[in-house]
Amino acid sequence: MKNRTWHSLLAAVTLLCGCTSLFKLTEGPTQLVRSHSSSEETSFLCTRSAQHSLLGPQKNLNEDFFEFLKSPGVPKDFESKMIMWGLLNQNAHPILVTPSSGVVLLLISGNDLKFYNFAPSREAKDYPFFRMMQFLRNRNPKGPSLQALGAILEKDYRGGIKVSPLFQESLQQESSLINASPNLKKAFVRGDQSLSLNESISSFPFASMMKYFESTLKASADLKKIQPLPISFPYQEKIGDNAIKCSIPIKDYEQGLFHIETTPTQNLFFGVKDGQTLALAVTYFQATKRIPFLDTATLIGDNIAQLPAFCVFESNNQSSIIFSSHSRDPGQLLAQLINKTTQQPLTHGVWEALNEIFFLYLNMPPRVLYSQKEIPHPTSPIYAKKMDDYPNYYVEKIGEMIGVQHDPEGPVFFLKRPSYFAQDCHN
């Protein structure tokens, strides 16, 4: 498909340049909000009064970890909670979340909001996922070491780690890799079948994994010097008092330059909120050659994955951060979101626009996938010129959009449904 044809299609729906800003980022929701379309639940936002919230790939894991945190002897500081949550999430998806995984960490503490990128390097013993944990530990060095936290999980955590819908898909897609590795086969195959949804996953030796990582950086001074890379934003636009910046070149979509991959982008999201403090970690991992890490059922490799796609919407002292994933072109969905937020007033914030219809252009063959069963009428503003030249389909998932809303009232997670991810809110 020639670029000019794609341009004629996308220009009709994005209209990113010269938009009048009308988005209000964080007004409104003071109670748990679940918004529905005619066919499915599409959005979830925790109540503002909820002091504690967890985001992860499976609801039962969230619930078990909440109960674990109440146990005597379990560290109560925020950084320890996030580190232990990261270890459990690696166990819950050890093919996607690995020691070699890069991590984008969004960290909010009071009014302070920062992004950190623990990017992969070419070093064989780099382990950016573990570096992210050590960075958190360095924020509060009085807490237990990584190895000690791993030992606490091994000793006291009694919750089950089960196959989530996201991990079940990975097991099916990675069957050749799993069957070729004795470690992976032992962990994820029962008889001649891969583990199924909600079947139990064997626990990792967390303490020995952390001990090995700490030993690769022999001097404690090295551990204290761990610093992430800065994140650049190739797309930045100021619209009145509001600003938008993105980790990907959104302008490409105005010019019909799509970034359609052969397979969906895969990221894992997990996060913890305690009062006015919130952390959201987004992993990225792709390697042509993957081998098991030590004797465990997780993988390491030369990570060539791209930085996760996300945008930041800012207005005065308010921000909304939205990550796009699990799509063959996450940038298309962010481009549409930018258009939606700049073309209409949103009473409750950017998250409200996630309930609307999104669509995804794919090529070879050209077609359009819709996120809702009611495909727009040709007179609808969402219906692009010449879109009727291509087959239109409804699909249950065209991507995930997960984010954080931050304002003087405090931070809160939000996500678009249907989703691989779940969150629990606790007062």
Protein backbone atom coordinates (compact mmCIF):
# COMPACT_ATOMS: atom_id res chain seq x y z
CA MET A 1 0.00 0.00 0.00
CA LYS A 2 1.53 3.30 -1.01
CA ASN A 3 2.12 5.94 1.62
CA ARG A 4 -0.15 8.48 -0.07
CA THR A 5 -3.10 6.07 0.18
CA TRP A 6 -2.44 5.51 3.86
CA HIS A 7 -2.08 9.24 4.31
CA SER A 8 -5.51 9.92 2.83
CA LEU A 9 -6.98 7.44 5.27
CA LEU A 10 -5.28 8.56 8.43
CA ALA A 11 -5.48 12.28 7.78
CA ALA A 12 -9.25 12.01 7.97
CA VAL A 13 -9.15 10.65 11.49
CA THR A 14 -6.08 12.00 13.27
CA LEU A 15 -5.93 15.70 12.31
CA LEU A 16 -3.17 16.21 14.82
CA CYS A 17 -1.90 19.57 13.63
CA GLY A 18 -3.66 22.78 14.52
CA CYS A 19 -6.12 21.21 16.96
CA THR A 20 -7.84 23.33 19.59
CA SER A 21 -7.11 21.95 23.03
CA LEU A 22 -10.21 21.00 24.97
CA PHE A 23 -9.02 18.21 27.24
CA LYS A 24 -9.36 18.48 31.00
CA LEU A 25 -7.06 15.91 32.46
CA THR A 26 -8.15 15.09 35.95
CA GLU A 27 -11.49 16.54 36.98
CA GLY A 28 -14.13 14.44 38.57
CA PRO A 29 -13.99 10.81 39.58
CA THR A 30 -14.30 10.44 43.34
CA GLN A 31 -15.69 6.91 43.32
CA LEU A 32 -14.91 3.65 41.63
CA VAL A 33 -15.92 4.04 38.00
CA ARG A 34 -16.68 1.23 35.58
CA SER A 35 -17.82 2.36 32.16
CA HIS A 36 -19.60 0.03 29.75
CA SER A 37 -20.28 -0.10 26.05
CA SER A 38 -23.20 -2.15 24.77
CA SER A 39 -21.01 -5.24 24.56
CA GLU A 40 -18.20 -5.06 27.12
CA GLU A 41 -16.57 -3.33 30.04
CA THR A 42 -14.05 -0.92 28.62
CA SER A 43 -12.55 1.17 31.39
CA PHE A 44 -11.64 0.97 35.06
CA LEU A 45 -10.52 3.71 37.43
CA CYS A 46 -9.85 3.29 41.15
CA THR A 47 -11.70 5.47 43.65
CA ARG A 48 -9.79 8.52 44.80
CA SER A 49 -10.25 7.44 48.43
CA ALA A 50 -8.46 4.13 47.86
CA GLN A 51 -5.09 4.47 49.59
CA HIS A 52 -3.68 1.22 48.20
CA SER A 53 -3.88 -0.25 44.72
CA LEU A 54 -2.10 -2.98 42.76
CA LEU A 55 -1.87 -3.41 38.99
CA GLY A 56 -0.78 -6.74 37.55
CA PRO A 57 -1.54 -9.46 35.00
CA GLN A 58 -3.93 -11.53 37.12
CA LYS A 59 -6.57 -10.68 39.70
CA ASN A 60 -5.91 -13.61 42.05
CA LEU A 61 -2.20 -12.71 42.21
CA ASN A 62 -3.14 -9.14 43.18
CA GLU A 63 -5.46 -10.39 45.92
CA ASP A 64 -2.93 -12.87 47.33
CA PHE A 65 -0.16 -10.27 47.41
CA PHE A 66 -2.39 -7.79 49.25
CA GLU A 67 -2.99 -10.40 51.94
CA PHE A 68 0.71 -11.22 52.07
CA LEU A 69 1.58 -7.56 52.71
CA LYS A 70 -0.54 -7.65 55.89
CA SER A 71 1.55 -10.48 57.36
CA PRO A 72 3.81 -9.80 60.38
CA GLY A 73 7.43 -9.43 59.43
CA VAL A 74 6.77 -8.38 55.83
CA PRO A 75 8.46 -5.04 55.05
CA LYS A 76 6.00 -2.16 54.81
CA ASP A 77 8.12 0.41 52.99
CA PHE A 78 7.00 1.28 49.46
CA GLU A 79 10.21 0.28 47.72
CA SER A 80 10.23 -3.21 49.27
CA LYS A 81 6.63 -3.75 48.18
CA MET A 82 7.43 -2.76 44.60
CA ILE A 83 10.55 -4.97 44.50
CA MET A 84 8.69 -8.03 45.80
CA TRP A 85 5.82 -7.32 43.40
CA GLY A 86 8.33 -7.23 40.55
CA LEU A 87 9.79 -10.60 41.57
CA LEU A 88 6.33 -12.19 41.70
CA ASN A 89 5.39 -10.74 38.32
CA GLN A 90 8.55 -12.17 36.79
CA ASN A 91 7.50 -15.54 38.17
CA ALA A 92 4.01 -15.04 36.74
CA HIS A 93 5.29 -14.35 33.20
CA PRO A 94 8.91 -15.60 33.01
CA ILE A 95 9.04 -15.57 29.22
CA LEU A 96 8.11 -11.89 28.84
CA VAL A 97 9.57 -10.57 32.12
CA THR A 98 13.20 -11.66 32.37
CA PRO A 99 16.46 -10.46 33.91
CA SER A 100 17.28 -9.12 30.41
CA SER A 101 14.02 -7.15 30.13
CA GLY A 102 14.28 -3.41 29.76
CA VAL A 103 12.00 -1.44 32.08
CA VAL A 104 10.38 1.96 31.91
CA LEU A 105 9.60 3.03 35.46
CA LEU A 106 7.09 5.80 36.17
CA LEU A 107 7.54 7.02 39.72
CA ILE A 108 5.29 9.50 41.53
CA SER A 109 6.05 10.78 45.02
CA GLY A 110 3.77 13.59 46.12
CA ASN A 111 3.94 16.25 43.41
CA ASP A 112 7.09 14.78 41.85
CA LEU A 113 6.66 12.72 38.67
CA LYS A 114 9.65 11.13 36.94
CA PHE A 115 10.39 8.58 34.20
CA TYR A 116 13.33 6.19 34.26
CA ASN A 117 14.55 3.86 31.54
CA PHE A 118 16.53 0.79 32.55
CA ALA A 119 17.63 0.01 29.04
CA PRO A 120 19.33 -3.19 27.90
CA SER A 121 23.01 -3.13 27.02
CA ARG A 122 25.24 -5.55 25.15
CA GLU A 123 26.77 -6.80 28.37
CA ALA A 124 26.00 -10.46 29.05
CA LYS A 125 25.50 -9.82 32.77
CA ASP A 126 23.67 -6.53 32.62
CA TYR A 127 20.19 -7.57 33.83
CA PRO A 128 18.25 -4.28 33.55
CA PHE A 129 15.18 -5.75 35.26
CA PHE A 130 17.22 -6.42 38.39
CA ARG A 131 18.94 -3.03 38.06
CA MET A 132 15.51 -1.43 38.31
CA MET A 133 14.96 -3.26 41.61
CA GLN A 134 18.35 -2.16 42.96
CA PHE A 135 17.55 1.43 41.96
CA LEU A 136 14.37 1.22 44.07
CA ARG A 137 16.36 -0.26 46.93
CA ASN A 138 18.85 2.62 46.72
CA ARG A 139 15.97 5.07 47.23
CA ASN A 140 15.49 3.58 50.68
CA PRO A 141 18.74 1.83 51.62
CA LYS A 142 17.54 1.10 55.17
CA GLY A 143 15.20 -1.56 53.82
CA PRO A 144 16.08 -5.25 53.33
CA SER A 145 18.48 -6.17 50.51
CA LEU A 146 17.21 -7.74 47.30
CA GLN A 147 18.42 -11.13 48.49
CA ALA A 148 16.64 -10.69 51.84
CA LEU A 149 13.40 -9.72 50.11
CA GLY A 150 13.68 -12.80 47.90
CA ALA A 151 14.13 -14.95 51.01
CA ILE A 152 11.03 -13.38 52.62
CA LEU A 153 8.96 -14.30 49.56
CA GLU A 154 10.26 -17.86 49.57
CA LYS A 155 9.57 -18.28 53.28
CA ASP A 156 6.31 -16.44 53.84
CA TYR A 157 4.44 -15.98 50.56
CA ARG A 158 1.68 -18.59 50.42
CA GLY A 159 -0.37 -17.22 47.55
CA GLY A 160 -0.65 -19.16 44.34
CA ILE A 161 1.03 -18.10 41.10
CA LYS A 162 -1.21 -19.20 38.26
CA VAL A 163 -1.26 -19.01 34.49
CA SER A 164 -2.87 -15.73 33.38
CA PRO A 165 -4.61 -15.25 30.00
CA LEU A 166 -1.54 -13.30 28.79
CA PHE A 167 0.89 -16.03 29.85
CA GLN A 168 -1.33 -18.75 28.39
CA GLU A 169 -1.05 -17.06 24.99
CA SER A 170 2.72 -16.88 25.38
CA LEU A 171 2.92 -20.57 26.21
CA GLN A 172 1.05 -21.40 23.02
CA GLN A 173 3.16 -19.06 20.90
CA GLU A 174 6.46 -20.26 22.40
CA SER A 175 5.79 -24.01 22.30
CA SER A 176 8.88 -24.73 20.18
CA LEU A 177 11.16 -22.79 22.54
CA ILE A 178 9.67 -24.48 25.60
CA ASN A 179 9.92 -28.01 24.21
CA ALA A 180 13.57 -27.42 23.25
CA SER A 181 14.57 -26.42 26.80
CA PRO A 182 14.53 -29.02 29.62
CA ASN A 183 14.15 -26.25 32.22
CA LEU A 184 11.19 -24.62 30.47
CA LYS A 185 9.57 -27.93 29.57
CA LYS A 186 9.77 -29.16 33.15
CA ALA A 187 8.19 -25.93 34.40
CA PHE A 188 5.46 -25.36 31.82
CA VAL A 189 4.46 -28.73 30.35
CA ARG A 190 2.25 -31.34 32.03
CA GLY A 191 2.26 -34.63 30.14
CA ASP A 192 2.35 -33.43 26.56
CA GLN A 193 0.31 -30.26 27.10
CA SER A 194 1.37 -26.74 28.07
CA LEU A 195 -0.07 -25.37 31.28
CA SER A 196 -3.61 -24.07 30.93
CA LEU A 197 -5.36 -21.03 32.33
CA ASN A 198 -5.25 -20.87 36.16
CA GLU A 199 -2.96 -23.89 36.54
CA SER A 200 -0.18 -23.37 39.08
CA ILE A 201 3.32 -22.21 38.16
CA SER A 202 6.29 -23.41 40.21
CA SER A 203 7.83 -20.73 42.44
CA PHE A 204 11.23 -19.25 41.59
CA PRO A 205 14.29 -19.40 43.89
CA PHE A 206 14.10 -15.65 44.44
CA ALA A 207 16.88 -15.39 47.02
CA SER A 208 19.49 -17.23 44.97
CA MET A 209 18.58 -15.21 41.85
CA MET A 210 19.12 -11.97 43.76
CA LYS A 211 22.33 -13.28 45.31
CA TYR A 212 23.68 -14.09 41.85
CA PHE A 213 22.76 -10.62 40.56
CA GLU A 214 24.39 -8.88 43.50
CA SER A 215 27.51 -10.98 43.04
CA THR A 216 27.86 -9.85 39.41
CA LEU A 217 28.33 -6.31 40.73
CA LYS A 218 30.96 -7.32 43.25
CA ALA A 219 31.49 -4.02 45.05
CA SER A 220 28.58 -2.57 47.00
CA ALA A 221 29.61 0.82 45.60
CA ASP A 222 28.64 -0.43 42.14
CA LEU A 223 25.16 -1.28 43.35
CA LYS A 224 24.78 2.22 44.77
CA LYS A 225 25.82 3.83 41.50
CA ILE A 226 23.09 2.23 39.37
CA GLN A 227 21.43 4.97 37.33
CA PRO A 228 18.86 4.69 34.51
CA LEU A 229 19.04 6.36 31.12
CA PRO A 230 16.97 9.47 30.34
CA ILE A 231 13.92 9.14 28.11
CA SER A 232 13.62 11.36 25.05
CA PHE A 233 10.31 12.45 23.56
CA PRO A 234 10.53 12.79 19.74
CA TYR A 235 6.99 14.19 19.63
CA GLN A 236 6.25 17.31 21.67
CA GLU A 237 3.46 19.78 21.08
CA LYS A 238 2.26 22.77 23.07
CA ILE A 239 -1.43 23.61 22.65
CA GLY A 240 -2.50 26.63 24.68
CA ASP A 241 -1.85 25.88 28.35
CA ASN A 242 -1.63 22.17 27.61
CA ALA A 243 1.20 20.01 26.34
CA ILE A 244 1.54 16.54 24.87
CA LYS A 245 4.75 14.56 24.51
CA CYS A 246 5.26 11.00 23.31
CA SER A 247 8.05 8.43 23.28
CA ILE A 248 7.40 7.68 19.59
CA PRO A 249 7.31 9.93 16.48
CA ILE A 250 3.56 10.64 16.28
CA LYS A 251 4.15 12.97 13.32
CA ASP A 252 4.90 9.88 11.22
CA TYR A 253 1.21 8.96 11.36
CA GLU A 254 0.19 12.33 9.96
CA GLN A 255 2.39 11.56 6.97
CA GLY A 256 1.01 8.05 6.48
CA LEU A 257 4.17 6.41 7.81
CA PHE A 258 2.85 3.50 9.81
CA HIS A 259 4.94 1.21 12.00
CA ILE A 260 3.04 -2.05 11.60
CA GLU A 261 4.86 -5.06 13.04
CA THR A 262 4.36 -8.67 11.99
CA THR A 263 3.40 -9.66 15.55
CA PRO A 264 1.85 -7.65 18.39
CA THR A 265 4.10 -5.67 20.70
CA GLN A 266 4.21 -7.35 24.10
CA ASN A 267 4.81 -5.51 27.38
CA LEU A 268 4.03 -6.43 30.95
CA PHE A 269 2.66 -3.84 33.36
CA PHE A 270 2.78 -3.98 37.14
CA GLY A 271 2.46 -1.28 39.74
CA VAL A 272 1.88 -0.34 43.36
CA LYS A 273 0.14 2.68 44.85
CA ASP A 274 0.44 3.67 48.53
CA GLY A 275 -1.25 6.96 49.31
CA GLN A 276 0.55 9.72 47.39
CA THR A 277 3.28 7.38 46.12
CA LEU A 278 2.88 5.29 42.96
CA ALA A 279 5.17 3.23 40.73
CA LEU A 280 4.30 1.71 37.37
CA ALA A 281 6.82 -0.57 35.64
CA VAL A 282 6.51 -1.49 31.94
CA THR A 283 8.87 -4.17 30.65
CA TYR A 284 10.14 -4.72 27.09
CA PHE A 285 11.99 -7.80 25.86
CA GLN A 286 12.71 -9.24 22.43
CA ALA A 287 15.70 -11.45 21.63
CA THR A 288 16.50 -13.60 18.62
CA LYS A 289 18.31 -16.09 20.85
CA ARG A 290 17.01 -16.80 24.35
CA ILE A 291 18.48 -19.15 26.92
CA PRO A 292 17.40 -20.03 30.48
CA PHE A 293 18.78 -17.92 33.31
CA LEU A 294 20.81 -20.14 35.65
CA ASP A 295 18.65 -23.21 36.34
CA THR A 296 15.39 -21.28 36.42
CA ALA A 297 12.44 -21.19 34.04
CA THR A 298 13.09 -17.66 32.87
CA LEU A 299 15.15 -16.39 29.96
CA ILE A 300 17.99 -14.06 29.11
CA GLY A 301 19.17 -12.83 25.73
CA ASP A 302 20.43 -9.90 23.70
CA ASN A 303 17.44 -7.61 24.08
CA ILE A 304 16.63 -5.69 20.88
CA ALA A 305 13.13 -4.56 21.87
CA GLN A 306 11.93 -0.98 21.32
CA LEU A 307 11.05 1.40 24.12
CA PRO A 308 7.32 1.10 25.05
CA ALA A 309 5.00 3.55 23.29
CA PHE A 310 3.46 6.13 25.61
CA CYS A 311 2.29 9.73 25.76
CA VAL A 312 2.11 12.31 28.53
CA PHE A 313 -0.77 14.80 28.60
CA GLU A 314 -0.04 17.81 30.81
CA SER A 315 -2.19 20.72 31.92
CA ASN A 316 -1.07 23.10 34.67
CA ASN A 317 -0.16 20.80 37.61
CA GLN A 318 -2.04 17.78 36.21
CA SER A 319 -0.80 14.89 34.12
CA SER A 320 -2.13 11.77 32.45
CA ILE A 321 0.32 9.14 31.19
CA ILE A 322 -0.94 6.48 28.75
CA PHE A 323 1.00 3.43 27.52
CA SER A 324 -0.13 1.60 24.37
CA SER A 325 0.73 -2.07 23.96
CA HIS A 326 -0.39 -5.51 22.71
CA SER A 327 -1.04 -4.16 19.25
CA ARG A 328 0.75 -4.53 15.93
CA ASP A 329 1.04 -0.74 15.82
CA PRO A 330 0.59 0.86 19.27
CA GLY A 331 1.31 4.31 17.83
CA GLN A 332 -1.90 4.28 15.78
CA LEU A 333 -3.96 4.09 18.97
CA LEU A 334 -2.01 6.89 20.62
CA ALA A 335 -2.45 9.08 17.52
CA GLN A 336 -6.19 8.54 17.70
CA LEU A 337 -6.22 9.27 21.44
CA ILE A 338 -4.44 12.58 20.85
CA ASN A 339 -7.06 13.48 18.28
CA LYS A 340 -9.93 12.56 20.62
CA THR A 341 -8.56 14.59 23.53
CA THR A 342 -7.99 17.70 21.43
CA GLN A 343 -11.30 17.65 19.53
CA GLN A 344 -13.82 17.37 22.37
CA PRO A 345 -14.20 18.31 26.06
CA LEU A 346 -13.64 15.41 28.47
CA THR A 347 -15.39 15.85 31.81
CA HIS A 348 -13.35 13.31 33.75
CA GLY A 349 -10.02 13.28 31.95
CA VAL A 350 -8.07 11.55 29.22
CA TRP A 351 -9.04 8.11 30.52
CA GLU A 352 -12.66 8.89 29.55
CA ALA A 353 -11.74 8.88 25.85
CA LEU A 354 -10.64 5.25 26.13
CA ASN A 355 -14.30 4.22 26.12
CA GLU A 356 -14.74 5.46 22.57
CA ILE A 357 -14.23 3.49 19.37
CA PHE A 358 -10.63 2.82 18.35
CA PHE A 359 -9.51 1.18 15.14
CA LEU A 360 -6.36 -0.29 13.68
CA TYR A 361 -5.19 -0.28 10.06
CA LEU A 362 -3.29 -3.38 9.00
CA ASN A 363 -1.72 -4.19 5.66
CA MET A 364 -1.06 -7.34 3.63
CA PRO A 365 -4.00 -7.36 3.05
CA PRO A 366 -5.30 -3.85 3.87
CA ARG A 367 -8.11 -3.99 6.44
CA VAL A 368 -9.51 -2.08 9.40
CA LEU A 369 -10.11 -3.61 12.83
CA TYR A 370 -12.60 -1.98 15.20
CA SER A 371 -12.70 -2.16 19.00
CA GLN A 372 -16.51 -2.18 19.21
CA LYS A 373 -19.11 -4.31 17.49
CA GLU A 374 -21.06 -1.34 16.17
CA ILE A 375 -18.83 -0.23 13.29
CA PRO A 376 -19.46 3.49 12.66
CA HIS A 377 -21.86 4.63 9.95
CA PRO A 378 -20.16 6.37 6.99
CA THR A 379 -21.58 9.71 8.22
CA SER A 380 -19.91 9.33 11.62
CA PRO A 381 -16.83 11.51 12.34
CA ILE A 382 -14.89 8.38 13.26
CA TYR A 383 -15.46 6.93 9.80
CA ALA A 384 -12.52 7.93 7.60
CA LYS A 385 -12.65 8.79 3.94
CA LYS A 386 -12.26 5.77 1.67
CA MET A 387 -12.44 3.45 4.68
CA ASP A 388 -15.25 1.59 2.95
CA ASP A 389 -12.69 0.55 0.31
CA TYR A 390 -11.27 -1.92 2.84
CA PRO A 391 -12.84 -4.78 4.79
CA ASN A 392 -13.96 -3.77 8.29
CA TYR A 393 -13.88 -6.22 11.18
CA TYR A 394 -14.74 -6.19 14.86
CA VAL A 395 -12.18 -7.91 17.10
CA GLU A 396 -12.16 -8.34 20.87
CA LYS A 397 -8.67 -6.90 21.29
CA ILE A 398 -6.85 -4.38 19.14
CA GLY A 399 -4.54 -3.30 21.95
CA GLU A 400 -4.15 -2.31 25.57
CA MET A 401 -4.03 1.25 26.89
CA ILE A 402 -2.93 1.53 30.50
CA GLY A 403 -2.04 4.63 32.39
CA VAL A 404 -1.80 6.83 35.44
CA GLN A 405 -3.70 9.98 36.25
CA HIS A 406 -1.87 12.42 38.54
CA ASP A 407 -3.06 15.67 40.09
CA PRO A 408 -3.09 17.37 43.51
CA GLU A 409 -5.62 14.80 44.75
CA GLY A 410 -3.08 12.03 44.17
CA PRO A 411 -2.22 9.40 41.57
CA VAL A 412 -4.50 6.64 40.30
CA PHE A 413 -4.17 3.78 37.78
CA PHE A 414 -6.56 3.42 34.86
CA LEU A 415 -6.85 0.92 32.03
CA LYS A 416 -8.87 0.08 28.96
CA ARG A 417 -10.89 -3.12 28.85
CA PRO A 418 -10.96 -5.81 27.60
CA SER A 419 -7.52 -6.20 29.11
CA TYR A 420 -4.93 -8.76 30.05
CA PHE A 421 -4.37 -6.77 33.22
CA ALA A 422 -6.33 -6.25 36.41
CA GLN A 423 -6.18 -3.95 39.38
CA ASP A 424 -7.53 -4.04 42.90
CA CYS A 425 -8.36 -1.04 45.04
CA HIS A 426 -8.15 -1.17 48.84
CA ASN A 427 -8.77 1.55 51.43
